[in-house]
Protein backbone atom coordinates (compact mmCIF):
# COMPACT_ATOMS: atom_id res chain seq x y z
CA MET A 1 99.98 91.84 97.55
CA ARG A 2 97.97 94.52 95.75
CA PRO A 3 99.64 97.04 93.46
CA ALA A 4 100.57 100.23 95.33
CA ALA A 5 98.16 102.43 93.35
CA GLU A 6 95.23 100.12 94.14
CA THR A 7 96.16 100.07 97.84
CA ALA A 8 96.33 103.88 97.85
CA ALA A 9 92.89 104.17 96.24
CA LEU A 10 91.31 101.76 98.73
CA PHE A 11 92.72 103.70 101.67
CA ALA A 12 91.73 107.11 100.30
CA ALA A 13 88.13 105.87 99.92
CA ILE A 14 87.74 105.36 103.68
CA ASP A 15 85.59 108.07 105.23
CA ALA A 16 87.13 109.25 108.49
CA HIS A 17 86.04 112.91 108.40
CA ASP A 18 84.99 114.12 111.86
CA ASP A 19 86.07 110.90 113.58
CA THR A 20 87.88 111.20 116.89
CA VAL A 21 91.50 110.11 116.82
CA GLU A 22 91.89 108.19 120.07
CA GLY A 23 95.53 107.43 119.59
CA PHE A 24 98.28 106.00 117.53
CA ALA A 25 100.99 103.52 118.34
CA ILE A 26 104.30 103.10 116.58
CA HIS A 27 105.86 99.67 116.98
CA PRO A 28 109.52 99.84 115.91
CA PRO A 29 111.30 96.95 114.19
CA THR A 30 112.32 94.12 116.49
CA GLY A 31 115.25 92.94 114.39
CA ARG A 32 117.26 93.68 111.27
CA ARG A 33 114.82 91.85 109.00
CA LYS A 34 111.66 93.07 110.78
CA GLN A 35 109.66 96.14 109.82
CA ALA A 36 107.81 98.68 111.91
CA THR A 37 104.02 98.80 112.24
CA VAL A 38 101.74 101.71 113.08
CA GLU A 39 98.22 101.57 114.50
CA VAL A 40 95.77 104.48 114.44
CA THR A 41 92.56 104.23 116.46
CA LEU A 42 89.58 106.26 115.26
CA PHE A 43 86.18 106.52 116.94
CA ARG A 44 83.00 107.46 115.09
CA HIS A 45 80.85 108.65 117.97
CA TRP A 46 77.55 108.99 116.10
CA GLU A 47 77.76 105.31 115.09
CA ASN A 48 79.45 104.18 118.32
CA LYS A 49 82.09 102.37 116.22
CA ARG A 50 85.82 102.19 116.65
CA ARG A 51 88.27 101.39 113.87
CA VAL A 52 91.90 100.44 114.23
CA ILE A 53 93.90 101.04 111.08
CA ARG A 54 97.10 99.02 111.04
CA PHE A 55 99.92 99.86 108.66
CA SER A 56 102.32 96.99 108.01
CA ASN A 57 105.85 96.84 106.64
CA CYS A 58 106.53 100.51 107.40
CA ALA A 59 109.67 102.13 106.04
CA ASN A 60 109.21 105.75 107.20
CA ILE A 61 106.95 107.52 109.69
CA ALA A 62 106.54 111.27 110.21
CA VAL A 63 104.36 112.95 112.84
CA ALA A 64 103.52 116.65 113.13
CA MET A 65 100.93 117.60 115.71
CA ASP A 66 99.81 120.66 117.62
CA ALA A 67 98.11 119.18 120.69
CA ASP A 68 96.35 122.45 121.51
CA VAL A 69 94.72 122.68 118.08
CA LEU A 70 93.85 118.97 118.22
CA ALA A 71 92.21 119.51 121.64
CA ASN A 72 90.30 122.58 120.42
CA ASN A 73 88.73 120.41 117.72
CA TRP A 74 87.86 117.51 120.00
CA PRO A 75 85.93 115.27 119.53
CA ILE A 76 85.70 115.72 115.77
CA ASN A 77 89.41 116.08 115.07
CA THR A 78 90.04 113.89 112.02
CA HIS A 79 90.08 115.74 108.72
CA SER A 80 90.64 112.94 106.20
CA LEU A 81 92.60 109.93 105.06
CA ALA A 82 94.67 110.12 101.88
CA ALA A 83 97.26 108.00 100.11
CA THR A 84 99.47 108.10 97.07
CA ALA A 85 101.73 105.75 95.17
CA ASP A 86 103.47 108.70 93.49
CA LEU A 87 107.14 107.78 93.32
CA ALA A 88 108.33 111.40 93.51
CA GLU A 89 106.44 112.02 96.77
CA ILE A 90 107.63 108.74 98.27
CA THR A 91 111.29 109.29 97.44
CA ALA A 92 111.07 112.90 98.64
CA LEU A 93 109.90 111.67 102.06
CA MET A 94 112.71 109.11 102.18
CA ARG A 95 115.31 111.75 101.30
CA ARG A 96 113.84 114.32 103.71
CA GLN A 97 113.98 111.94 106.65
CA LYS A 98 117.68 111.21 106.16
CA ARG A 99 118.35 114.49 107.99
CA VAL A 100 116.89 113.08 111.21
CA TRP A 101 118.73 109.75 111.19
CA HIS A 102 121.41 111.04 113.59
CA VAL A 103 123.80 108.56 111.94
CA ARG A 104 126.49 109.23 109.36
CA TYR A 105 127.39 106.57 106.85
CA ASP A 106 130.33 106.27 104.52
CA LYS A 107 129.03 106.67 100.99
CA SER A 108 129.80 103.00 100.27
CA ILE A 109 127.41 101.76 103.00
CA ASP A 110 124.76 104.52 102.97
CA PRO A 111 121.36 102.71 103.10
CA LEU A 112 119.44 105.47 101.30
CA PRO A 113 120.19 104.32 97.72
CA ALA A 114 118.89 100.83 98.54
CA LYS A 115 115.76 102.33 100.14
CA LEU A 116 115.12 104.44 97.07
CA ILE A 117 115.24 101.33 94.85
CA THR A 118 112.38 99.80 96.88
CA ALA A 119 110.25 102.99 96.84
CA LYS A 120 107.84 101.67 94.20
CA GLN A 121 106.74 98.93 96.62
CA TYR A 122 105.37 101.47 99.11
CA VAL A 123 102.35 103.69 99.55
CA LEU A 124 102.49 107.04 101.31
CA PHE A 125 99.51 107.08 103.68
CA ARG A 126 98.36 110.31 105.32
CA VAL A 127 96.10 110.67 108.32
CA ARG A 128 95.13 114.34 108.32
CA LEU A 129 93.94 115.74 111.62
CA PHE A 130 92.53 119.11 112.58
CA GLY A 131 95.83 119.94 114.28
CA GLY A 132 98.32 117.62 112.66
CA LEU A 133 99.45 115.11 110.12
CA LEU A 134 100.64 111.53 110.39
CA GLU A 135 102.54 110.24 107.33
CA ILE A 136 103.29 106.53 107.05
CA LEU A 137 105.26 104.95 104.26
CA ALA A 138 104.14 101.33 104.29
CA ARG A 139 103.37 98.44 101.97
CA SER A 140 99.88 97.64 103.24
CA PHE A 141 97.12 98.48 105.69
CA SER A 142 94.17 96.75 107.29
CA VAL A 143 91.11 98.00 109.17
CA LYS A 144 89.59 96.28 112.18
CA ARG A 145 86.15 97.48 113.23
CA THR A 146 84.85 97.17 116.76
CA ARG A 147 81.85 98.43 118.69
CA GLN A 148 82.21 100.50 121.84
């Protein structure tokens, strides 16, 4: 597997500005040792090309979207793709999401300290939309290109 910083740079180099986000799918873990995956489908209408970006081995996912703003910018509603391997940003996301776990753990079995130890293995990917933001903390990504 590539180093996190190299993975982040490869992702950030993808041009998705003014693409149409057609959807995203979050596939939760299917077992204790399985990890979530996320797929984002982008369509570049002037080239008639569709790309599916798949994020693998996801640890955290955050979505913020205003559907009205997204619709007002249709069909060119993708702002950019960005990524970072910055440990401070990654651990901040992990800590921030603990508030939405809806589970309380005794300090002796709290999973957050173990997650924080693995933070350096992850990349924080951002899909910026005109009307929202999708943040995915994952170990890798792939892009599949298809024609209409």
